[in-house]
């Protein structure tokens, strides 16, 4: 899950990616997947979760997700490679 927070910008509110989970303020979480981001935008989930009014700029989150996906090799099912921290034993 990717944490995002709202920050003030000259043109209004924008989302800031917080992968280290250190930025102050209320945060919201989204899967780092373009489809999940699009669904959250369509449902106005960030506005509700972060208790904002008006429109919010989600471009920084979309750019972060695209950069992350470009840097992660895809598997056969189209998802990025993931490793499990648990072992069977």
Protein backbone atom coordinates (compact mmCIF):
# COMPACT_ATOMS: atom_id res chain seq x y z
CA UNK A 1 0.00 0.00 0.00
CA UNK A 2 1.18 3.49 -0.81
CA UNK A 3 0.55 6.32 1.66
CA UNK A 4 -0.38 9.75 0.34
CA UNK A 5 -1.04 13.02 2.13
CA UNK A 6 -2.47 16.35 1.04
CA UNK A 7 -0.18 19.37 0.83
CA UNK A 8 -0.90 22.97 -0.06
CA UNK A 9 0.10 24.07 -3.54
CA UNK A 10 -0.24 27.45 -5.29
CA UNK A 11 -3.16 26.07 -7.31
CA UNK A 12 -4.91 24.37 -4.36
CA UNK A 13 -4.47 20.96 -2.76
CA UNK A 14 -2.29 18.26 -4.26
CA UNK A 15 -1.38 14.78 -3.13
CA UNK A 16 2.14 13.98 -2.01
CA UNK A 17 3.50 10.45 -2.04
CA UNK A 18 4.82 9.37 1.37
CA UNK A 19 6.56 5.99 0.95
CA UNK A 20 8.50 6.46 4.21
CA UNK A 21 5.24 7.27 6.05
CA UNK A 22 6.78 10.28 7.75
CA UNK A 23 4.87 13.29 6.40
CA UNK A 24 2.63 15.01 8.95
CA UNK A 25 -1.12 15.04 8.74
CA UNK A 26 -3.88 12.69 7.79
CA UNK A 27 -2.91 10.05 5.26
CA UNK A 28 -4.73 7.81 2.83
CA UNK A 29 -3.58 4.55 1.26
CA UNK A 30 -3.89 3.21 -2.26
CA UNK A 31 -2.46 0.19 -4.08
CA UNK A 32 0.42 1.32 -6.31
CA UNK A 33 -1.53 0.36 -9.42
CA UNK A 34 -2.91 2.74 -12.09
CA UNK A 35 -6.31 1.01 -12.05
CA UNK A 36 -6.65 1.44 -8.28
CA UNK A 37 -5.64 5.10 -8.53
CA UNK A 38 -8.23 5.68 -11.28
CA UNK A 39 -10.93 4.04 -9.16
CA UNK A 40 -9.99 6.15 -6.13
CA UNK A 41 -10.15 9.31 -8.25
CA UNK A 42 -13.53 8.35 -9.72
CA UNK A 43 -14.96 7.65 -6.26
CA UNK A 44 -13.38 10.83 -4.79
CA UNK A 45 -11.84 8.59 -2.14
CA UNK A 46 -8.91 10.92 -1.42
CA UNK A 47 -11.20 13.90 -0.85
CA UNK A 48 -13.25 11.89 1.66
CA UNK A 49 -10.35 10.12 3.39
CA UNK A 50 -8.25 13.27 3.75
CA UNK A 51 -11.27 15.45 4.59
CA UNK A 52 -10.62 17.92 1.78
CA UNK A 53 -12.93 20.27 -0.05
CA UNK A 54 -12.84 20.87 -3.77
CA UNK A 55 -10.58 19.19 -6.28
CA UNK A 56 -7.24 17.59 -5.48
CA UNK A 57 -4.30 17.13 -7.88
CA UNK A 58 -3.40 13.43 -8.10
CA UNK A 59 -0.70 13.83 -10.77
CA UNK A 60 2.22 13.34 -8.33
CA UNK A 61 0.80 9.97 -7.28
CA UNK A 62 0.23 8.88 -10.89
CA UNK A 63 3.80 9.87 -11.81
CA UNK A 64 5.21 7.96 -8.82
CA UNK A 65 3.24 4.83 -9.73
CA UNK A 66 4.39 5.02 -13.36
CA UNK A 67 8.05 5.45 -12.33
CA UNK A 68 7.76 2.55 -9.89
CA UNK A 69 6.12 0.28 -12.45
CA UNK A 70 8.72 1.18 -15.08
CA UNK A 71 11.53 0.26 -12.67
CA UNK A 72 9.92 -3.06 -11.63
CA UNK A 73 10.11 -5.94 -14.13
CA UNK A 74 6.70 -7.38 -14.95
CA UNK A 75 5.78 -11.02 -14.51
CA UNK A 76 3.65 -13.09 -16.88
CA UNK A 77 0.39 -11.81 -15.37
CA UNK A 78 1.46 -8.17 -15.89
CA UNK A 79 2.10 -7.42 -12.24
CA UNK A 80 5.44 -6.37 -10.86
CA UNK A 81 7.54 -9.06 -9.28
CA UNK A 82 6.84 -9.52 -5.61
CA UNK A 83 8.66 -11.57 -3.07
CA UNK A 84 7.22 -13.04 0.06
CA UNK A 85 8.93 -12.53 3.38
CA UNK A 86 7.47 -15.75 4.76
CA UNK A 87 8.94 -19.16 4.19
CA UNK A 88 7.34 -22.55 4.47
CA UNK A 89 8.88 -24.75 6.97
